[in-house]
Amino acid sequence: MGIGSGIALFVIGAILAFALNVQVDWIDLDMVGYLLMGAGALIFLISLILFTRRRSARGAVDPVDGGLE
């Protein structure tokens, strides 16, 4: 699940929380929307941290010179 998945979950949650005016007896759509927005933000932040960590790790490794001295 990457950055796009986090954004998608956040958008779906915002639609459920703020744009829908439907009342369902067996589920609270506002709470589901808030939970999806929180999960989307968390996934987005974790993906962003892992992406920057992976990117900095590639630049820090020195190439092997093949044994030539």
Protein backbone atom coordinates (compact mmCIF):
# COMPACT_ATOMS: atom_id res chain seq x y z
CA MET A 1 0.00 0.00 0.00
CA GLY A 2 1.65 3.14 -1.14
CA ILE A 3 1.13 6.83 -1.19
CA GLY A 4 -1.76 6.53 -3.65
CA SER A 5 -3.61 4.09 -1.43
CA GLY A 6 -3.34 6.44 1.52
CA ILE A 7 -4.69 9.34 -0.53
CA ALA A 8 -7.53 7.18 -1.87
CA LEU A 9 -8.56 6.07 1.63
CA PHE A 10 -8.45 9.66 2.87
CA VAL A 11 -10.65 10.88 -0.02
CA ILE A 12 -13.18 8.07 0.42
CA GLY A 13 -13.31 8.79 4.15
CA ALA A 14 -13.84 12.51 3.53
CA ILE A 15 -16.69 11.75 1.15
CA LEU A 16 -18.34 9.48 3.73
CA ALA A 17 -17.84 11.96 6.57
CA PHE A 18 -18.70 15.26 4.91
CA ALA A 19 -20.50 14.76 1.58
CA LEU A 20 -23.00 11.99 2.28
CA ASN A 21 -26.23 12.85 4.07
CA VAL A 22 -27.52 9.29 4.36
CA GLN A 23 -28.67 7.83 7.66
CA VAL A 24 -28.25 4.08 8.06
CA ASP A 25 -29.47 2.36 11.21
CA TRP A 26 -26.83 -0.35 11.40
CA ILE A 27 -23.67 1.76 10.80
CA ASP A 28 -22.48 5.29 11.52
CA LEU A 29 -21.09 6.51 8.19
CA ASP A 30 -19.53 9.60 9.77
CA MET A 31 -17.42 7.46 12.10
CA VAL A 32 -16.42 5.14 9.27
CA GLY A 33 -15.40 8.19 7.26
CA TYR A 34 -13.27 9.54 10.10
CA LEU A 35 -11.63 6.14 10.58
CA LEU A 36 -10.83 5.88 6.87
CA MET A 37 -9.40 9.41 6.88
CA GLY A 38 -7.16 8.53 9.83
CA ALA A 39 -6.03 5.29 8.24
CA GLY A 40 -5.35 7.05 4.95
CA ALA A 41 -3.26 9.74 6.63
CA LEU A 42 -1.32 7.11 8.59
CA ILE A 43 -0.63 5.01 5.48
CA PHE A 44 0.42 8.13 3.58
CA LEU A 45 2.88 9.18 6.30
CA ILE A 46 4.36 5.69 6.72
CA SER A 47 4.79 5.32 2.95
CA LEU A 48 6.42 8.74 2.73
CA ILE A 49 8.85 7.91 5.56
CA LEU A 50 9.76 4.55 4.04
CA PHE A 51 10.22 6.14 0.61
CA THR A 52 12.61 8.80 1.92
CA ARG A 53 14.50 6.25 4.04
CA ARG A 54 14.90 3.91 1.04
CA ARG A 55 16.00 6.82 -1.13
CA SER A 56 18.66 8.02 1.33
CA ALA A 57 19.96 4.47 1.88
CA ARG A 58 20.74 4.09 -1.83
CA GLY A 59 22.89 7.22 -1.90
CA ALA A 60 24.85 6.30 1.25
CA VAL A 61 26.23 2.98 -0.04
CA ASP A 62 29.71 3.20 -1.55
CA PRO A 63 30.29 1.22 -4.73
CA VAL A 64 32.64 -1.73 -4.58
CA ASP A 65 35.81 -1.06 -6.58
CA GLY A 66 36.21 -4.67 -7.68
CA GLY A 67 39.29 -5.52 -5.61
CA LEU A 68 41.71 -3.23 -7.47
CA GLU A 69 44.24 -1.63 -5.17
